[in-house]
Amino acid sequence: MFFLLYTFPAFLRRRDFIPEPRKETTIMRKKTLFPILLFMLVAGTLHAATLTIAAGAGYKRPLMEISRLYEEKNGTHVDGVYGNMQHIITQTTMSGKVAIILGDRDCLLRSGVKTSGFHRIGGGKLVLAWRKGLKLDRASSIEGKAFGRIGMPDPSKTIYGNAATTFLQRSGLEAGTRTKLMTMSTVPQVSAYLITGELDAGFLNLTDALAIQEQIGGFMPIEQSLYEPINIGTVKVAGFENNNEARRFLEFLEKPESLAIFGKYGL
């Protein structure tokens, strides 16, 4: 009896006495959890709708601000594709995901992309900017020795590169600046080189110039008669005419908060 009383607790403490968890219980738990997790994943995907828009790189700043505001208010994530217009057109054609394009009306008409419903936002304005440490009183001063490196967006691919080329031709400054010109891919690239001082002057749109004005020496608007009018607006890409997210975003662009952002950037 003493032996049994003494050994019984030890017997209870034996590891092999503790029963193994039932495998079928574990399997049942997994089967129960799987549909719940799947439902949460699908529900999250359905809720997080996405809209893709495209625009010339010179309008990236205002569109990103508006897109963030739209996402906060509506819960729809807005993906942006930005670059020179040739890049934008290529991406729109190849991806099939771009619903809205913001750009120059004439450029969009020539692009070959099927679109509808051009809505004008404002007139694009060409400016001549210069780096810190220099001063321009008039545009013709870029012919001087102080301005050895003048940047411009690619005229064959960008709205403002084409406008800058037209301005140089009409103003009679083309010959005096030909050897100084440096071609960049986009407007923001010209801005970046002005900020670092790698360019002495450069052609930008007013939108980008206003955004970097504290980081450069200054800028001046170019007389609008010296380049073709630039009408900036939005279009729907074919296939998205009845897309509700695209419709809601375009409506949002007309709201006071969106117009205030465009106004801040010179549109």
Protein backbone atom coordinates (compact mmCIF):
# COMPACT_ATOMS: atom_id res chain seq x y z
CA MET A 1 0.00 0.00 0.00
CA PHE A 2 2.83 2.36 0.89
CA PHE A 3 4.48 1.57 -2.44
CA LEU A 4 1.30 2.43 -4.38
CA LEU A 5 0.77 5.68 -2.52
CA TYR A 6 4.33 6.69 -3.13
CA THR A 7 4.52 5.80 -6.82
CA PHE A 8 1.06 6.87 -7.95
CA PRO A 9 1.84 10.62 -8.08
CA ALA A 10 4.99 9.85 -10.02
CA PHE A 11 2.92 7.78 -12.40
CA LEU A 12 0.61 10.72 -12.97
CA ARG A 13 3.61 12.89 -13.72
CA ARG A 14 4.91 10.56 -16.41
CA ARG A 15 5.12 12.34 -19.80
CA ASP A 16 3.56 9.45 -21.69
CA PHE A 17 0.50 9.63 -19.44
CA ILE A 18 -0.46 13.06 -20.84
CA PRO A 19 -2.78 12.46 -23.80
CA GLU A 20 -1.78 13.65 -27.26
CA PRO A 21 -3.96 16.35 -28.86
CA ARG A 22 -6.55 14.83 -31.12
CA LYS A 23 -5.50 15.23 -34.74
CA GLU A 24 -9.03 15.51 -35.95
CA THR A 25 -9.55 18.55 -33.64
CA THR A 26 -6.54 20.33 -35.20
CA ILE A 27 -7.79 19.55 -38.68
CA MET A 28 -11.25 20.83 -37.83
CA ARG A 29 -9.76 24.10 -36.56
CA LYS A 30 -7.83 24.56 -39.80
CA LYS A 31 -10.93 23.87 -41.85
CA THR A 32 -12.85 26.44 -39.82
CA LEU A 33 -10.15 29.13 -40.01
CA PHE A 34 -9.49 28.82 -43.76
CA PRO A 35 -12.86 30.15 -45.02
CA ILE A 36 -12.71 32.97 -42.47
CA LEU A 37 -9.27 34.07 -43.66
CA LEU A 38 -10.35 33.72 -47.29
CA PHE A 39 -13.41 35.89 -46.66
CA MET A 40 -11.28 38.57 -44.97
CA LEU A 41 -8.85 38.58 -47.90
CA VAL A 42 -11.57 38.85 -50.54
CA ALA A 43 -13.48 41.49 -48.57
CA GLY A 44 -10.32 43.57 -48.20
CA THR A 45 -9.58 43.28 -51.91
CA LEU A 46 -13.09 44.33 -52.87
CA HIS A 47 -12.97 47.31 -50.54
CA ALA A 48 -9.57 48.54 -51.72
CA ALA A 49 -10.59 49.61 -55.24
CA THR A 50 -7.88 51.09 -57.45
CA LEU A 51 -8.00 53.70 -60.20
CA THR A 52 -5.08 54.37 -62.55
CA ILE A 53 -4.47 57.82 -64.00
CA ALA A 54 -1.66 59.16 -66.18
CA ALA A 55 -0.19 62.62 -66.75
CA GLY A 56 2.83 64.48 -67.98
CA ALA A 57 5.53 64.59 -65.32
CA GLY A 58 5.16 68.37 -65.06
CA TYR A 59 1.75 67.86 -63.43
CA LYS A 60 2.75 65.12 -61.02
CA ARG A 61 2.77 67.38 -57.95
CA PRO A 62 -0.83 68.68 -58.08
CA LEU A 63 -2.24 65.32 -59.15
CA MET A 64 -0.52 63.49 -56.32
CA GLU A 65 -1.98 65.96 -53.81
CA ILE A 66 -5.45 65.59 -55.27
CA SER A 67 -5.13 61.79 -55.44
CA ARG A 68 -4.19 61.58 -51.76
CA LEU A 69 -7.15 63.77 -50.85
CA TYR A 70 -9.49 61.67 -52.99
CA GLU A 71 -8.25 58.46 -51.37
CA GLU A 72 -8.81 59.88 -47.89
CA LYS A 73 -12.36 60.90 -48.71
CA ASN A 74 -13.46 57.95 -50.86
CA GLY A 75 -11.24 55.03 -49.89
CA THR A 76 -10.19 54.40 -53.49
CA HIS A 77 -6.46 54.11 -54.11
CA VAL A 78 -5.22 56.10 -57.10
CA ASP A 79 -2.17 54.83 -58.98
CA GLY A 80 -0.34 57.45 -61.02
CA VAL A 81 1.74 56.99 -64.16
CA TYR A 82 3.95 60.01 -64.87
CA GLY A 83 6.55 60.78 -67.52
CA ASN A 84 6.93 62.49 -70.87
CA MET A 85 3.84 62.27 -73.07
CA GLN A 86 5.33 59.62 -75.34
CA HIS A 87 5.91 57.43 -72.28
CA ILE A 88 2.37 58.10 -71.07
CA ILE A 89 0.81 57.16 -74.40
CA THR A 90 2.88 53.97 -74.59
CA GLN A 91 1.94 52.92 -71.06
CA THR A 92 -1.74 53.65 -71.69
CA THR A 93 -1.77 51.59 -74.89
CA MET A 94 0.19 48.62 -73.54
CA SER A 95 -1.20 48.28 -70.02
CA GLY A 96 -4.92 48.68 -70.66
CA LYS A 97 -5.26 49.90 -67.06
CA VAL A 98 -5.12 53.69 -67.45
CA ALA A 99 -8.62 55.16 -67.12
CA ILE A 100 -7.86 58.90 -67.22
CA ILE A 101 -5.12 60.97 -68.86
CA LEU A 102 -4.28 64.58 -68.03
CA GLY A 103 -2.40 66.44 -70.73
CA ASP A 104 -2.46 68.93 -73.59
CA ARG A 105 -5.54 68.62 -75.79
CA ASP A 106 -3.69 68.78 -79.12
CA CYS A 107 -1.10 66.27 -77.94
CA LEU A 108 -3.83 63.86 -76.86
CA LEU A 109 -5.64 64.23 -80.18
CA ARG A 110 -2.45 63.40 -82.09
CA SER A 111 -1.58 60.45 -79.85
CA GLY A 112 -3.79 57.89 -81.54
CA VAL A 113 -5.23 56.75 -78.21
CA LYS A 114 -9.01 56.51 -78.30
CA THR A 115 -10.40 58.87 -75.67
CA SER A 116 -13.55 60.85 -74.97
CA GLY A 117 -14.85 63.83 -73.03
CA PHE A 118 -12.03 66.39 -72.90
CA HIS A 119 -12.51 68.60 -69.85
CA ARG A 120 -10.30 71.70 -69.75
CA ILE A 121 -8.62 72.46 -66.42
CA GLY A 122 -6.51 75.44 -67.41
CA GLY A 123 -3.91 76.92 -69.70
CA GLY A 124 -0.34 75.63 -69.51
CA LYS A 125 2.33 78.31 -69.16
CA LEU A 126 5.98 78.14 -70.24
CA VAL A 127 8.55 79.81 -67.97
CA LEU A 128 12.29 80.36 -68.06
CA ALA A 129 13.97 79.64 -64.71
CA TRP A 130 17.53 80.11 -63.49
CA ARG A 131 19.68 78.73 -60.71
CA LYS A 132 20.64 80.48 -57.51
CA GLY A 133 23.53 82.90 -57.92
CA LEU A 134 22.35 84.21 -61.29
CA LYS A 135 19.82 86.82 -62.36
CA LEU A 136 17.79 87.23 -65.55
CA ASP A 137 16.21 90.57 -66.44
CA ARG A 138 14.99 89.43 -69.85
CA ALA A 139 14.92 86.17 -71.74
CA SER A 140 17.53 87.28 -74.28
CA SER A 141 20.13 87.32 -71.47
CA ILE A 142 20.50 83.52 -71.83
CA GLU A 143 22.71 84.29 -74.86
CA GLY A 144 25.28 85.76 -72.45
CA LYS A 145 28.41 83.98 -71.16
CA ALA A 146 26.95 83.51 -67.67
CA PHE A 147 24.42 81.04 -69.07
CA GLY A 148 26.51 78.24 -70.47
CA ARG A 149 24.10 75.36 -69.77
CA ILE A 150 20.42 75.72 -70.63
CA GLY A 151 18.08 72.80 -70.06
CA MET A 152 14.84 71.94 -71.79
CA PRO A 153 12.53 68.91 -71.81
CA ASP A 154 12.77 66.73 -74.90
CA PRO A 155 10.87 68.67 -77.61
CA SER A 156 9.97 65.48 -79.48
CA LYS A 157 8.31 63.91 -76.44
CA THR A 158 7.10 66.70 -74.15
CA ILE A 159 4.64 69.58 -74.31
CA TYR A 160 6.99 72.14 -72.81
CA GLY A 161 10.04 71.05 -74.77
CA ASN A 162 8.07 71.71 -77.93
CA ALA A 163 6.88 75.06 -76.55
CA ALA A 164 10.46 76.04 -75.64
CA THR A 165 11.69 75.20 -79.15
CA THR A 166 8.93 77.30 -80.69
CA PHE A 167 9.79 80.19 -78.36
CA LEU A 168 13.49 80.11 -79.29
CA GLN A 169 12.61 80.13 -82.99
CA ARG A 170 10.03 82.94 -82.77
CA SER A 171 12.15 85.09 -80.46
CA GLY A 172 15.27 84.84 -82.62
CA LEU A 173 17.26 83.23 -79.80
CA GLU A 174 17.71 79.82 -81.41
CA ALA A 175 21.08 80.51 -83.07
CA GLY A 176 22.59 82.13 -79.97
CA THR A 177 21.63 79.27 -77.65
CA ARG A 178 21.97 76.17 -79.88
CA THR A 179 25.33 75.06 -78.47
CA LYS A 180 24.19 75.62 -74.86
CA LEU A 181 21.03 73.53 -74.93
CA MET A 182 20.85 70.30 -72.95
CA THR A 183 17.84 68.04 -73.52
CA MET A 184 16.23 66.26 -70.55
CA SER A 185 13.56 63.57 -70.47
CA THR A 186 10.96 65.52 -68.46
CA VAL A 187 10.20 68.89 -66.86
CA PRO A 188 11.02 67.63 -63.31
CA GLN A 189 14.44 66.53 -64.52
CA VAL A 190 15.19 70.09 -65.68
CA SER A 191 13.98 71.30 -62.27
CA ALA A 192 16.27 68.89 -60.46
CA TYR A 193 19.35 70.08 -62.36
CA LEU A 194 18.46 73.71 -61.71
CA ILE A 195 18.21 73.00 -57.98
CA THR A 196 21.64 71.33 -57.91
CA GLY A 197 23.18 74.11 -60.02
CA GLU A 198 24.14 71.78 -62.87
CA LEU A 199 22.09 73.96 -65.19
CA ASP A 200 22.31 77.76 -65.36
CA ALA A 201 18.81 78.14 -66.81
CA GLY A 202 16.01 75.94 -67.98
CA PHE A 203 12.53 75.86 -69.49
CA LEU A 204 9.75 74.58 -67.23
CA ASN A 205 6.01 74.77 -66.89
CA LEU A 206 4.68 77.25 -64.32
CA THR A 207 3.40 74.38 -62.17
CA ASP A 208 6.87 72.95 -61.52
CA ALA A 209 8.48 76.40 -61.23
CA LEU A 210 6.09 77.38 -58.42
CA ALA A 211 6.87 74.14 -56.58
CA ILE A 212 10.65 74.74 -56.57
CA GLN A 213 10.78 78.55 -56.41
CA GLU A 214 12.48 78.57 -53.00
CA GLN A 215 15.28 76.35 -54.32
CA ILE A 216 16.23 78.32 -57.44
CA GLY A 217 17.20 81.88 -58.31
CA GLY A 218 13.88 82.75 -59.92
CA PHE A 219 11.77 82.42 -63.06
CA MET A 220 9.93 84.55 -65.58
CA PRO A 221 6.90 83.74 -67.74
CA ILE A 222 7.40 83.54 -71.48
CA GLU A 223 5.17 85.72 -73.65
CA GLN A 224 2.35 83.40 -74.70
CA SER A 225 2.29 84.67 -78.28
CA LEU A 226 5.75 83.11 -78.73
CA TYR A 227 4.52 79.52 -78.44
CA GLU A 228 1.38 77.61 -79.31
CA PRO A 229 -1.47 77.62 -76.75
CA ILE A 230 -1.37 74.74 -74.25
CA ASN A 231 -4.79 73.55 -73.11
CA ILE A 232 -4.47 71.22 -70.15
CA GLY A 233 -7.35 68.92 -69.36
CA THR A 234 -8.52 65.37 -68.79
CA VAL A 235 -9.92 62.63 -70.99
CA LYS A 236 -11.37 59.18 -70.36
CA VAL A 237 -9.60 56.35 -72.13
CA ALA A 238 -11.78 54.12 -74.34
CA GLY A 239 -13.15 51.22 -72.34
CA PHE A 240 -13.57 53.31 -69.19
CA GLU A 241 -16.46 55.51 -70.37
CA ASN A 242 -18.87 53.85 -67.94
CA ASN A 243 -16.38 53.20 -65.14
CA ASN A 244 -17.83 54.56 -61.89
CA GLU A 245 -14.47 55.20 -60.22
CA ALA A 246 -13.29 57.22 -63.22
CA ARG A 247 -16.52 59.21 -63.19
CA ARG A 248 -16.25 59.93 -59.46
CA PHE A 249 -12.61 61.04 -59.78
CA LEU A 250 -13.39 63.41 -62.64
CA GLU A 251 -16.23 64.88 -60.59
CA PHE A 252 -13.82 65.29 -57.68
CA LEU A 253 -11.47 67.31 -59.90
CA GLU A 254 -14.20 69.94 -60.17
CA LYS A 255 -14.71 70.31 -56.44
CA PRO A 256 -13.40 73.45 -54.67
CA GLU A 257 -10.62 71.58 -52.83
CA SER A 258 -9.24 70.19 -56.11
CA LEU A 259 -9.55 73.52 -57.92
CA ALA A 260 -7.67 75.17 -55.04
CA ILE A 261 -4.76 72.75 -55.51
CA PHE A 262 -4.68 73.34 -59.28
CA GLY A 263 -4.77 77.08 -58.61
CA LYS A 264 -1.85 76.81 -56.20
CA TYR A 265 0.19 75.27 -59.02
CA GLY A 266 -0.72 77.89 -61.60
CA LEU A 267 -3.59 76.18 -63.42
